[in-house]
Amino acid sequence: MRKLIAILILCPFIGQTQTKFGIKAGINFANVTNASSIKGSNTTGFMGGVFISNKMGKIIVRRTELIFSRQGYSFKTNTNTGKVNLNYILFSQMIGFNITKFIQVQVGGMTGYLLNAKADSSAAQSSGTPPPGMPGNGILSKMNRVDYGVAGCVEIYPYKGILVGARINISMASTFKNEPSGGNQSSFMPGVNAKNNVLQIYAGYRF
């Protein structure tokens, strides 16, 4: 699977025709897997960026995207309730299949780089002293900066260059770094095997 992702991300665009540029922006519905220990739940964010698409015939299209994506999750423990915000830059390489001139299905791979991270906690704010891992205590040092995974998308083209779509990003890299056994595990951390899941609903325009 990792080899497939690498091929989708690194393969050059050859024989390209009918290149189009576009922009898109929308809403993220994000969460992490394996978060039952902290009662993890969805949180909303936003995304936006640019893309280049190259039509390789009547059916197949290749697309490169560079997207800013705010994602994360909400959590609730016996002592803290809060939200983790994770800001990523996502680079995606997708292959699209035109079902009709109005509908396109896309599959591919994505890599992400974590720009910054913040955990807000109601308990931390009320006490005035952030617990370990909260803002001011090095949350970013607990995160893996590089993410990677697979993506799938359906786009609809209702009129001229206008597009609307829904896309899911499924990460395969752990969101957090391993901590020493018996270490000071932060209250917002569900475990070292937590992975990002993001559903994006967006609109855009192809020039």
N, C-alpha and C. Protein backbone atom coordinates (compact mmCIF):
# COMPACT_ATOMS: atom_id res chain seq x y z
N MET A 1 0.83 -1.21 0.00
CA MET A 1 0.00 0.00 0.00
C MET A 1 0.86 1.26 0.00
N ARG A 2 1.98 1.24 0.77
CA ARG A 2 2.86 2.42 0.80
C ARG A 2 3.50 2.64 -0.56
N LYS A 3 3.82 1.56 -1.28
CA LYS A 3 4.40 1.71 -2.60
C LYS A 3 3.40 2.35 -3.56
N LEU A 4 2.12 1.96 -3.44
CA LEU A 4 1.09 2.55 -4.28
C LEU A 4 0.96 4.04 -4.02
N ILE A 5 0.97 4.42 -2.73
CA ILE A 5 0.86 5.83 -2.38
C ILE A 5 2.04 6.61 -2.94
N ALA A 6 3.25 6.01 -2.81
CA ALA A 6 4.45 6.69 -3.32
C ALA A 6 4.38 6.90 -4.82
N ILE A 7 3.86 5.90 -5.55
CA ILE A 7 3.73 6.02 -7.00
C ILE A 7 2.76 7.13 -7.37
N LEU A 8 1.63 7.19 -6.65
CA LEU A 8 0.62 8.20 -6.95
C LEU A 8 1.13 9.60 -6.66
N ILE A 9 1.97 9.73 -5.62
CA ILE A 9 2.47 11.04 -5.23
C ILE A 9 3.62 11.50 -6.11
N LEU A 10 4.50 10.57 -6.48
CA LEU A 10 5.74 10.95 -7.13
C LEU A 10 5.72 10.83 -8.64
N CYS A 11 4.73 10.13 -9.20
CA CYS A 11 4.75 9.91 -10.65
C CYS A 11 4.64 11.24 -11.40
N PRO A 12 5.47 11.48 -12.38
CA PRO A 12 5.42 12.74 -13.14
C PRO A 12 4.25 12.75 -14.10
N PHE A 13 3.85 13.95 -14.46
CA PHE A 13 2.79 14.11 -15.44
C PHE A 13 3.43 14.14 -16.83
N ILE A 14 3.15 13.11 -17.61
CA ILE A 14 3.71 13.04 -18.95
C ILE A 14 2.57 13.03 -19.96
N GLY A 15 2.84 13.55 -21.13
CA GLY A 15 1.83 13.59 -22.18
C GLY A 15 0.61 14.40 -21.80
N GLN A 16 0.81 15.46 -21.02
CA GLN A 16 -0.31 16.21 -20.49
C GLN A 16 -0.98 17.05 -21.57
N THR A 17 -2.28 17.11 -21.51
CA THR A 17 -3.06 17.95 -22.41
C THR A 17 -4.17 18.60 -21.62
N GLN A 18 -4.66 19.71 -22.13
CA GLN A 18 -5.82 20.40 -21.56
C GLN A 18 -5.64 20.66 -20.06
N THR A 19 -4.56 21.36 -19.74
CA THR A 19 -4.30 21.69 -18.34
C THR A 19 -5.26 22.78 -17.86
N LYS A 20 -5.80 22.58 -16.66
CA LYS A 20 -6.69 23.55 -16.05
C LYS A 20 -6.23 23.82 -14.63
N PHE A 21 -6.38 25.09 -14.22
CA PHE A 21 -6.07 25.49 -12.86
C PHE A 21 -7.39 25.74 -12.13
N GLY A 22 -7.35 25.55 -10.82
CA GLY A 22 -8.57 25.76 -10.06
C GLY A 22 -8.31 26.10 -8.62
N ILE A 23 -9.36 26.56 -7.95
CA ILE A 23 -9.33 26.84 -6.52
C ILE A 23 -10.53 26.15 -5.88
N LYS A 24 -10.40 25.83 -4.61
CA LYS A 24 -11.53 25.26 -3.89
C LYS A 24 -11.41 25.56 -2.41
N ALA A 25 -12.55 25.59 -1.72
CA ALA A 25 -12.58 25.87 -0.29
C ALA A 25 -13.83 25.24 0.29
N GLY A 26 -13.77 24.89 1.57
CA GLY A 26 -14.94 24.26 2.17
C GLY A 26 -14.75 23.96 3.64
N ILE A 27 -15.52 22.99 4.12
CA ILE A 27 -15.60 22.63 5.53
C ILE A 27 -15.02 21.24 5.76
N ASN A 28 -14.27 21.08 6.84
CA ASN A 28 -13.77 19.78 7.28
C ASN A 28 -14.62 19.24 8.43
N PHE A 29 -14.90 17.94 8.38
CA PHE A 29 -15.46 17.21 9.51
C PHE A 29 -14.40 16.18 9.89
N ALA A 30 -13.68 16.45 10.99
CA ALA A 30 -12.47 15.69 11.29
C ALA A 30 -12.59 14.93 12.61
N ASN A 31 -11.77 13.88 12.71
CA ASN A 31 -11.69 13.07 13.92
C ASN A 31 -10.40 12.29 13.86
N VAL A 32 -10.12 11.50 14.90
CA VAL A 32 -9.01 10.56 14.88
C VAL A 32 -9.52 9.18 15.28
N THR A 33 -8.87 8.14 14.79
CA THR A 33 -9.24 6.78 15.14
C THR A 33 -8.69 6.43 16.53
N ASN A 34 -9.19 5.33 17.08
CA ASN A 34 -8.70 4.80 18.37
C ASN A 34 -8.74 5.86 19.47
N ALA A 35 -9.83 6.61 19.52
CA ALA A 35 -9.94 7.70 20.49
C ALA A 35 -11.02 7.46 21.54
N SER A 36 -11.42 6.20 21.74
CA SER A 36 -12.49 5.90 22.70
C SER A 36 -12.06 6.22 24.13
N SER A 37 -10.76 6.15 24.42
CA SER A 37 -10.27 6.39 25.78
C SER A 37 -10.49 7.83 26.22
N ILE A 38 -10.59 8.74 25.27
CA ILE A 38 -10.82 10.15 25.61
C ILE A 38 -12.18 10.62 25.07
N LYS A 39 -13.02 9.67 24.70
CA LYS A 39 -14.34 9.98 24.15
C LYS A 39 -14.21 10.96 22.98
N GLY A 40 -13.30 10.65 22.07
CA GLY A 40 -13.06 11.52 20.93
C GLY A 40 -14.28 11.65 20.04
N SER A 41 -14.50 12.83 19.51
CA SER A 41 -15.64 13.08 18.63
C SER A 41 -15.24 14.05 17.54
N ASN A 42 -16.13 14.22 16.57
CA ASN A 42 -15.84 15.07 15.40
C ASN A 42 -15.70 16.53 15.80
N THR A 43 -14.91 17.22 15.02
CA THR A 43 -14.81 18.66 15.13
C THR A 43 -14.83 19.25 13.72
N THR A 44 -15.25 20.48 13.59
CA THR A 44 -15.30 21.11 12.27
C THR A 44 -14.13 22.07 12.10
N GLY A 45 -13.69 22.20 10.86
CA GLY A 45 -12.63 23.11 10.51
C GLY A 45 -12.87 23.63 9.10
N PHE A 46 -11.84 24.14 8.48
CA PHE A 46 -11.99 24.65 7.12
C PHE A 46 -10.79 24.22 6.29
N MET A 47 -10.96 24.26 4.99
CA MET A 47 -9.89 23.91 4.06
C MET A 47 -9.98 24.82 2.85
N GLY A 48 -8.85 24.98 2.18
CA GLY A 48 -8.83 25.78 0.97
C GLY A 48 -7.49 25.66 0.29
N GLY A 49 -7.50 25.76 -1.03
CA GLY A 49 -6.25 25.65 -1.75
C GLY A 49 -6.42 25.72 -3.25
N VAL A 50 -5.41 25.23 -3.95
CA VAL A 50 -5.36 25.30 -5.41
C VAL A 50 -5.06 23.91 -5.97
N PHE A 51 -5.37 23.76 -7.27
CA PHE A 51 -5.08 22.49 -7.93
C PHE A 51 -4.79 22.72 -9.42
N ILE A 52 -4.11 21.74 -10.00
CA ILE A 52 -3.87 21.68 -11.44
C ILE A 52 -4.36 20.33 -11.93
N SER A 53 -5.18 20.33 -12.96
CA SER A 53 -5.68 19.07 -13.53
C SER A 53 -5.27 18.96 -14.99
N ASN A 54 -4.99 17.75 -15.42
CA ASN A 54 -4.55 17.47 -16.78
C ASN A 54 -5.38 16.33 -17.35
N LYS A 55 -6.12 16.62 -18.40
CA LYS A 55 -6.94 15.61 -19.03
C LYS A 55 -6.08 14.71 -19.91
N MET A 56 -6.16 13.39 -19.68
CA MET A 56 -5.34 12.42 -20.40
C MET A 56 -6.18 11.61 -21.39
N GLY A 57 -7.18 12.23 -21.94
CA GLY A 57 -8.11 11.55 -22.83
C GLY A 57 -9.53 11.91 -22.44
N LYS A 58 -10.47 11.12 -22.90
CA LYS A 58 -11.87 11.42 -22.60
C LYS A 58 -12.27 11.04 -21.19
N ILE A 59 -11.56 10.07 -20.59
CA ILE A 59 -12.00 9.53 -19.31
C ILE A 59 -11.06 9.89 -18.16
N ILE A 60 -9.76 9.73 -18.34
CA ILE A 60 -8.80 9.83 -17.23
C ILE A 60 -8.25 11.25 -17.10
N VAL A 61 -8.17 11.71 -15.87
CA VAL A 61 -7.63 13.02 -15.52
C VAL A 61 -6.65 12.84 -14.37
N ARG A 62 -5.53 13.54 -14.44
CA ARG A 62 -4.59 13.58 -13.33
C ARG A 62 -4.65 14.94 -12.66
N ARG A 63 -4.53 14.94 -11.35
CA ARG A 63 -4.67 16.20 -10.62
C ARG A 63 -3.69 16.29 -9.46
N THR A 64 -3.09 17.45 -9.33
CA THR A 64 -2.21 17.77 -8.20
C THR A 64 -2.85 18.87 -7.38
N GLU A 65 -2.85 18.70 -6.05
CA GLU A 65 -3.49 19.68 -5.17
C GLU A 65 -2.53 20.11 -4.06
N LEU A 66 -2.64 21.37 -3.66
CA LEU A 66 -1.95 21.90 -2.49
C LEU A 66 -3.00 22.61 -1.64
N ILE A 67 -3.27 22.05 -0.45
CA ILE A 67 -4.41 22.47 0.35
C ILE A 67 -3.98 22.77 1.79
N PHE A 68 -4.51 23.87 2.33
CA PHE A 68 -4.43 24.11 3.77
C PHE A 68 -5.64 23.46 4.41
N SER A 69 -5.42 22.69 5.49
CA SER A 69 -6.51 21.94 6.11
C SER A 69 -6.44 22.05 7.62
N ARG A 70 -7.48 22.64 8.23
CA ARG A 70 -7.58 22.66 9.69
C ARG A 70 -8.44 21.48 10.12
N GLN A 71 -7.86 20.59 10.90
CA GLN A 71 -8.56 19.39 11.35
C GLN A 71 -8.24 19.14 12.81
N GLY A 72 -8.54 17.95 13.33
CA GLY A 72 -8.31 17.66 14.74
C GLY A 72 -9.43 16.82 15.31
N TYR A 73 -9.79 17.06 16.58
CA TYR A 73 -10.84 16.29 17.23
C TYR A 73 -11.21 16.97 18.55
N SER A 74 -12.39 16.61 19.05
CA SER A 74 -12.81 17.03 20.39
C SER A 74 -12.59 15.87 21.35
N PHE A 75 -12.39 16.18 22.63
CA PHE A 75 -12.14 15.13 23.61
C PHE A 75 -12.83 15.46 24.93
N LYS A 76 -13.04 14.40 25.73
CA LYS A 76 -13.67 14.56 27.04
C LYS A 76 -13.14 13.48 27.97
N THR A 77 -12.53 13.90 29.07
CA THR A 77 -12.05 12.97 30.08
C THR A 77 -12.69 13.32 31.42
N ASN A 78 -12.26 12.64 32.48
CA ASN A 78 -12.82 12.93 33.81
C ASN A 78 -12.44 14.32 34.30
N THR A 79 -11.34 14.85 33.79
CA THR A 79 -10.85 16.14 34.28
C THR A 79 -10.86 17.25 33.24
N ASN A 80 -10.87 16.90 31.95
CA ASN A 80 -10.75 17.91 30.91
C ASN A 80 -11.77 17.68 29.79
N THR A 81 -12.25 18.78 29.25
CA THR A 81 -13.05 18.77 28.03
C THR A 81 -12.47 19.81 27.10
N GLY A 82 -12.24 19.44 25.86
CA GLY A 82 -11.61 20.42 24.99
C GLY A 82 -11.55 19.99 23.54
N LYS A 83 -10.66 20.64 22.82
CA LYS A 83 -10.56 20.46 21.39
C LYS A 83 -9.10 20.58 20.98
N VAL A 84 -8.67 19.73 20.06
CA VAL A 84 -7.34 19.79 19.49
C VAL A 84 -7.45 20.28 18.05
N ASN A 85 -6.76 21.38 17.73
CA ASN A 85 -6.71 21.90 16.36
C ASN A 85 -5.36 21.57 15.74
N LEU A 86 -5.39 20.97 14.55
CA LEU A 86 -4.18 20.60 13.83
C LEU A 86 -4.23 21.24 12.45
N ASN A 87 -3.26 22.07 12.15
CA ASN A 87 -3.22 22.76 10.85
C ASN A 87 -2.18 22.09 9.95
N TYR A 88 -2.64 21.56 8.83
CA TYR A 88 -1.78 20.84 7.90
C TYR A 88 -1.73 21.55 6.55
N ILE A 89 -0.60 21.37 5.86
CA ILE A 89 -0.53 21.59 4.42
C ILE A 89 -0.54 20.21 3.77
N LEU A 90 -1.51 19.97 2.89
CA LEU A 90 -1.68 18.67 2.25
C LEU A 90 -1.30 18.76 0.78
N PHE A 91 -0.48 17.82 0.35
CA PHE A 91 -0.11 17.68 -1.06
C PHE A 91 -0.69 16.36 -1.55
N SER A 92 -1.53 16.43 -2.58
CA SER A 92 -2.23 15.24 -3.06
C SER A 92 -1.99 15.03 -4.54
N GLN A 93 -1.90 13.79 -4.93
CA GLN A 93 -1.82 13.39 -6.32
C GLN A 93 -2.99 12.44 -6.59
N MET A 94 -3.91 12.87 -7.43
CA MET A 94 -5.15 12.12 -7.65
C MET A 94 -5.28 11.71 -9.12
N ILE A 95 -5.98 10.60 -9.32
CA ILE A 95 -6.37 10.15 -10.66
C ILE A 95 -7.89 10.19 -10.72
N GLY A 96 -8.43 10.93 -11.69
CA GLY A 96 -9.87 11.07 -11.83
C GLY A 96 -10.41 10.29 -13.01
N PHE A 97 -11.64 9.83 -12.86
CA PHE A 97 -12.34 9.09 -13.91
C PHE A 97 -13.67 9.79 -14.19
N ASN A 98 -13.83 10.28 -15.39
CA ASN A 98 -15.06 10.98 -15.76
C ASN A 98 -16.18 9.97 -16.00
N ILE A 99 -17.20 10.02 -15.16
CA ILE A 99 -18.38 9.17 -15.35
C ILE A 99 -19.25 9.76 -16.45
N THR A 100 -19.51 11.02 -16.36
CA THR A 100 -20.12 11.81 -17.43
C THR A 100 -19.39 13.15 -17.43
N LYS A 101 -19.80 14.09 -18.26
CA LYS A 101 -19.15 15.40 -18.23
C LYS A 101 -19.51 16.19 -16.98
N PHE A 102 -20.47 15.68 -16.20
CA PHE A 102 -20.90 16.35 -14.98
C PHE A 102 -20.36 15.72 -13.71
N ILE A 103 -19.84 14.50 -13.76
CA ILE A 103 -19.43 13.77 -12.55
C ILE A 103 -18.05 13.16 -12.75
N GLN A 104 -17.21 13.31 -11.74
CA GLN A 104 -15.88 12.70 -11.76
C GLN A 104 -15.59 12.03 -10.42
N VAL A 105 -15.04 10.81 -10.46
CA VAL A 105 -14.61 10.08 -9.27
C VAL A 105 -13.09 10.11 -9.23
N GLN A 106 -12.52 10.41 -8.06
CA GLN A 106 -11.07 10.52 -7.92
C GLN A 106 -10.56 9.60 -6.81
N VAL A 107 -9.39 9.02 -7.02
CA VAL A 107 -8.69 8.25 -5.99
C VAL A 107 -7.22 8.63 -6.05
N GLY A 108 -6.53 8.50 -4.94
CA GLY A 108 -5.11 8.85 -4.95
C GLY A 108 -4.49 8.81 -3.58
N GLY A 109 -3.33 9.44 -3.48
CA GLY A 109 -2.58 9.49 -2.23
C GLY A 109 -2.30 10.91 -1.82
N MET A 110 -2.09 11.09 -0.53
CA MET A 110 -1.81 12.43 -0.03
C MET A 110 -0.71 12.35 1.04
N THR A 111 0.06 13.42 1.13
CA THR A 111 1.01 13.61 2.23
C THR A 111 0.70 14.95 2.88
N GLY A 112 0.98 15.04 4.16
CA GLY A 112 0.70 16.27 4.87
C GLY A 112 1.85 16.66 5.78
N TYR A 113 1.98 17.96 6.01
CA TYR A 113 2.98 18.47 6.95
C TYR A 113 2.25 19.32 7.99
N LEU A 114 2.45 18.98 9.27
CA LEU A 114 1.78 19.68 10.36
C LEU A 114 2.47 21.02 10.62
N LEU A 115 1.74 22.10 10.38
CA LEU A 115 2.29 23.45 10.59
C LEU A 115 2.29 23.83 12.06
N ASN A 116 1.16 23.61 12.73
CA ASN A 116 1.07 23.90 14.15
C ASN A 116 -0.06 23.11 14.78
N ALA A 117 -0.06 23.06 16.09
CA ALA A 117 -1.05 22.30 16.84
C ALA A 117 -1.39 23.03 18.12
N LYS A 118 -2.66 22.94 18.52
CA LYS A 118 -3.10 23.60 19.73
C LYS A 118 -4.19 22.78 20.39
N ALA A 119 -4.09 22.62 21.71
CA ALA A 119 -5.11 21.92 22.48
C ALA A 119 -5.72 22.90 23.47
N ASP A 120 -7.04 23.10 23.38
CA ASP A 120 -7.76 23.97 24.30
C ASP A 120 -8.53 23.11 25.28
N SER A 121 -8.47 23.45 26.55
CA SER A 121 -9.16 22.68 27.58
C SER A 121 -9.88 23.61 28.53
N SER A 122 -11.15 23.32 28.83
CA SER A 122 -11.91 24.15 29.75
C SER A 122 -11.33 24.06 31.16
N ALA A 123 -10.87 22.86 31.54
CA ALA A 123 -10.29 22.70 32.87
C ALA A 123 -8.99 23.47 32.99
N ALA A 124 -8.18 23.43 31.92
CA ALA A 124 -6.89 24.14 31.95
C ALA A 124 -7.10 25.65 32.08
N GLN A 125 -8.09 26.16 31.37
CA GLN A 125 -8.32 27.60 31.38
C GLN A 125 -8.89 28.06 32.72
N SER A 126 -9.75 27.23 33.34
CA SER A 126 -10.36 27.63 34.60
C SER A 126 -9.35 27.62 35.74
N SER A 127 -8.38 26.71 35.70
CA SER A 127 -7.40 26.62 36.77
C SER A 127 -6.28 27.64 36.62
N GLY A 128 -6.08 28.12 35.37
CA GLY A 128 -5.03 29.09 35.13
C GLY A 128 -3.68 28.47 34.87
N THR A 129 -3.55 27.16 35.06
CA THR A 129 -2.28 26.46 34.83
C THR A 129 -2.51 25.33 33.85
N PRO A 130 -1.93 25.38 32.67
CA PRO A 130 -2.16 24.34 31.69
C PRO A 130 -1.53 23.02 32.11
N PRO A 131 -2.28 21.90 32.05
CA PRO A 131 -1.70 20.62 32.36
C PRO A 131 -0.72 20.20 31.29
N PRO A 132 0.07 19.13 31.51
CA PRO A 132 1.08 18.72 30.53
C PRO A 132 0.47 18.49 29.16
N GLY A 133 1.06 19.08 28.15
CA GLY A 133 0.59 18.89 26.78
C GLY A 133 -0.34 19.96 26.29
N MET A 134 -0.83 20.81 27.20
CA MET A 134 -1.70 21.89 26.80
C MET A 134 -0.86 23.08 26.31
N PRO A 135 -1.48 24.13 25.75
CA PRO A 135 -0.71 25.25 25.22
C PRO A 135 0.34 25.75 26.20
N GLY A 136 1.53 25.95 25.71
CA GLY A 136 2.63 26.37 26.56
C GLY A 136 3.47 25.23 27.08
N ASN A 137 3.03 23.98 26.86
CA ASN A 137 3.77 22.84 27.36
C ASN A 137 4.23 21.93 26.23
N GLY A 138 4.44 22.48 25.03
CA GLY A 138 5.08 21.73 23.96
C GLY A 138 4.23 20.67 23.29
N ILE A 139 2.97 20.98 22.97
CA ILE A 139 2.11 20.00 22.31
C ILE A 139 2.70 19.56 20.97
N LEU A 140 3.30 20.51 20.23
CA LEU A 140 3.80 20.17 18.90
C LEU A 140 4.91 19.13 18.98
N SER A 141 5.66 19.11 20.06
CA SER A 141 6.75 18.15 20.21
C SER A 141 6.22 16.72 20.37
N LYS A 142 4.94 16.58 20.71
CA LYS A 142 4.33 15.26 20.86
C LYS A 142 3.73 14.73 19.56
N MET A 143 3.72 15.56 18.51
CA MET A 143 3.04 15.20 17.27
C MET A 143 4.05 14.77 16.20
N ASN A 144 3.63 13.84 15.34
CA ASN A 144 4.38 13.54 14.14
C ASN A 144 4.09 14.63 13.11
N ARG A 145 5.14 15.28 12.62
CA ARG A 145 4.93 16.41 11.71
C ARG A 145 4.49 15.95 10.32
N VAL A 146 4.88 14.73 9.90
CA VAL A 146 4.56 14.24 8.56
C VAL A 146 3.42 13.23 8.63
N ASP A 147 2.44 13.40 7.76
CA ASP A 147 1.30 12.50 7.65
C ASP A 147 1.23 11.99 6.22
N TYR A 148 0.62 10.83 6.04
CA TYR A 148 0.41 10.30 4.69
C TYR A 148 -0.78 9.36 4.71
N GLY A 149 -1.40 9.15 3.55
CA GLY A 149 -2.55 8.26 3.50
C GLY A 149 -3.16 8.22 2.11
N VAL A 150 -4.41 7.79 2.07
CA VAL A 150 -5.14 7.65 0.81
C VAL A 150 -6.35 8.58 0.83
N ALA A 151 -6.87 8.86 -0.35
CA ALA A 151 -7.99 9.79 -0.47
C ALA A 151 -8.93 9.32 -1.58
N GLY A 152 -10.20 9.63 -1.42
CA GLY A 152 -11.21 9.36 -2.43
C GLY A 152 -12.18 10.52 -2.51
N CYS A 153 -12.69 10.79 -3.70
CA CYS A 153 -13.47 12.01 -3.90
C CYS A 153 -14.50 11.82 -5.01
N VAL A 154 -15.62 12.53 -4.88
CA VAL A 154 -16.60 12.65 -5.95
C VAL A 154 -16.84 14.13 -6.19
N GLU A 155 -16.69 14.57 -7.44
CA GLU A 155 -16.94 15.96 -7.80
C GLU A 155 -18.05 16.05 -8.83
N ILE A 156 -18.83 17.12 -8.72
CA ILE A 156 -19.93 17.40 -9.65
C ILE A 156 -19.68 18.77 -10.28
N TYR A 157 -19.92 18.86 -11.59
CA TYR A 157 -19.71 20.10 -12.34
C TYR A 157 -21.04 20.58 -12.89
N PRO A 158 -21.78 21.37 -12.11
CA PRO A 158 -23.14 21.74 -12.50
C PRO A 158 -23.23 22.78 -13.61
N TYR A 159 -22.24 23.69 -13.68
CA TYR A 159 -22.36 24.78 -14.65
C TYR A 159 -20.99 25.37 -14.92
N LYS A 160 -20.57 25.33 -16.18
CA LYS A 160 -19.29 25.89 -16.62
C LYS A 160 -18.16 25.43 -15.71
N GLY A 161 -17.39 26.38 -15.13
CA GLY A 161 -16.23 26.01 -14.32
C GLY A 161 -16.54 25.73 -12.86
N ILE A 162 -17.78 25.87 -12.44
CA ILE A 162 -18.16 25.65 -11.04
C ILE A 162 -18.07 24.17 -10.70
N LEU A 163 -17.58 23.86 -9.50
CA LEU A 163 -17.54 22.48 -9.03
C LEU A 163 -17.93 22.41 -7.56
N VAL A 164 -18.53 21.30 -7.18
CA VAL A 164 -18.79 20.97 -5.78
C VAL A 164 -18.34 19.53 -5.57
N GLY A 165 -17.88 19.23 -4.37
CA GLY A 165 -17.35 17.89 -4.16
C GLY A 165 -17.37 17.47 -2.71
N ALA A 166 -17.14 16.17 -2.52
CA ALA A 166 -16.98 15.57 -1.20
C ALA A 166 -15.78 14.63 -1.27
N ARG A 167 -14.91 14.74 -0.29
CA ARG A 167 -13.67 13.96 -0.30
C ARG A 167 -13.38 13.44 1.10
N ILE A 168 -12.84 12.23 1.18
CA ILE A 168 -12.41 11.67 2.45
C ILE A 168 -10.92 11.40 2.40
N ASN A 169 -10.20 11.85 3.43
CA ASN A 169 -8.78 11.58 3.61
C ASN A 169 -8.61 10.60 4.77
N ILE A 170 -7.98 9.48 4.52
CA ILE A 170 -7.75 8.47 5.55
C ILE A 170 -6.25 8.35 5.76
N SER A 171 -5.77 8.77 6.92
CA SER A 171 -4.34 8.74 7.20
C SER A 171 -3.89 7.34 7.59
N MET A 172 -2.63 7.06 7.28
CA MET A 172 -2.03 5.78 7.63
C MET A 172 -0.87 5.96 8.60
N ALA A 173 -0.50 7.20 8.89
CA ALA A 173 0.57 7.49 9.85
C ALA A 173 -0.05 7.88 11.19
N SER A 174 0.62 7.54 12.27
CA SER A 174 0.15 7.90 13.61
C SER A 174 0.24 9.40 13.81
N THR A 175 -0.77 9.96 14.43
CA THR A 175 -0.80 11.40 14.68
C THR A 175 0.22 11.80 15.75
N PHE A 176 0.39 10.93 16.76
CA PHE A 176 1.28 11.23 17.88
C PHE A 176 2.53 10.38 17.85
N LYS A 177 3.59 10.89 18.49
CA LYS A 177 4.80 10.12 18.67
C LYS A 177 4.63 9.15 19.84
N ASN A 178 5.47 8.13 19.85
CA ASN A 178 5.49 7.23 21.00
C ASN A 178 6.04 7.97 22.21
N GLU A 179 5.45 7.71 23.36
CA GLU A 179 5.98 8.24 24.60
C GLU A 179 6.53 7.08 25.44
N PRO A 180 7.51 7.33 26.30
CA PRO A 180 8.06 6.26 27.13
C PRO A 180 6.99 5.61 27.98
N SER A 181 7.13 4.30 28.19
CA SER A 181 6.18 3.57 29.02
C SER A 181 6.16 4.17 30.42
N GLY A 182 4.94 4.48 30.89
CA GLY A 182 4.81 5.09 32.21
C GLY A 182 5.08 6.57 32.22
N GLY A 183 5.25 7.18 31.04
CA GLY A 183 5.55 8.61 30.95
C GLY A 183 4.33 9.44 31.25
N ASN A 184 4.49 10.72 31.15
CA ASN A 184 3.41 11.65 31.46
C ASN A 184 2.53 11.81 30.23
N GLN A 185 1.56 10.92 30.09
CA GLN A 185 0.67 10.92 28.93
C GLN A 185 -0.30 12.09 29.03
N SER A 186 -0.36 12.92 28.03
CA SER A 186 -1.23 14.08 28.06
C SER A 186 -2.69 13.67 28.02
N SER A 187 -3.54 14.47 28.65
CA SER A 187 -4.94 14.08 28.81
C SER A 187 -5.70 14.07 27.48
N PHE A 188 -5.20 14.81 26.48
CA PHE A 188 -5.90 14.85 25.20
C PHE A 188 -5.41 13.78 24.23
N MET A 189 -4.44 12.96 24.62
CA MET A 189 -3.86 11.96 23.72
C MET A 189 -4.60 10.63 23.83
N PRO A 190 -5.25 10.17 22.77
CA PRO A 190 -5.98 8.90 22.82
C PRO A 190 -5.07 7.68 22.76
N GLY A 191 -3.84 7.83 22.29
CA GLY A 191 -2.94 6.70 22.13
C GLY A 191 -2.05 6.91 20.93
N VAL A 192 -0.97 6.15 20.87
CA VAL A 192 0.02 6.38 19.82
C VAL A 192 -0.46 5.91 18.46
N ASN A 193 -1.53 5.11 18.41
CA ASN A 193 -2.02 4.60 17.13
C ASN A 193 -3.15 5.44 16.54
N ALA A 194 -3.42 6.59 17.12
CA ALA A 194 -4.47 7.45 16.58
C ALA A 194 -4.06 7.98 15.21
N LYS A 195 -5.04 8.01 14.30
CA LYS A 195 -4.78 8.48 12.93
C LYS A 195 -5.89 9.44 12.51
N ASN A 196 -5.54 10.40 11.67
CA ASN A 196 -6.50 11.40 11.21
C ASN A 196 -7.49 10.82 10.21
N ASN A 197 -8.74 11.19 10.35
CA ASN A 197 -9.78 10.95 9.35
C ASN A 197 -10.49 12.26 9.09
N VAL A 198 -10.63 12.64 7.82
CA VAL A 198 -11.23 13.94 7.50
C VAL A 198 -12.19 13.80 6.32
N LEU A 199 -13.40 14.30 6.50
CA LEU A 199 -14.36 14.43 5.41
C LEU A 199 -14.42 15.89 5.02
N GLN A 200 -14.22 16.19 3.74
CA GLN A 200 -14.24 17.56 3.24
C GLN A 200 -15.42 17.76 2.29
N ILE A 201 -16.18 18.80 2.54
CA ILE A 201 -17.26 19.23 1.65
C ILE A 201 -16.87 20.61 1.13
N TYR A 202 -16.81 20.77 -0.20
CA TYR A 202 -16.23 22.00 -0.72
C TYR A 202 -16.88 22.43 -2.04
N ALA A 203 -16.57 23.65 -2.42
CA ALA A 203 -16.95 24.19 -3.72
C ALA A 203 -15.73 24.89 -4.31
N GLY A 204 -15.74 25.05 -5.63
CA GLY A 204 -14.59 25.68 -6.26
C GLY A 204 -14.86 26.09 -7.69
N TYR A 205 -13.78 26.41 -8.38
CA TYR A 205 -13.92 26.86 -9.76
C TYR A 205 -12.69 26.43 -10.56
N ARG A 206 -12.93 25.93 -11.78
CA ARG A 206 -11.85 25.57 -12.71
C ARG A 206 -11.73 26.65 -13.77
N PHE A 207 -10.52 27.17 -13.94
CA PHE A 207 -10.30 28.23 -14.93
C PHE A 207 -9.86 27.64 -16.27
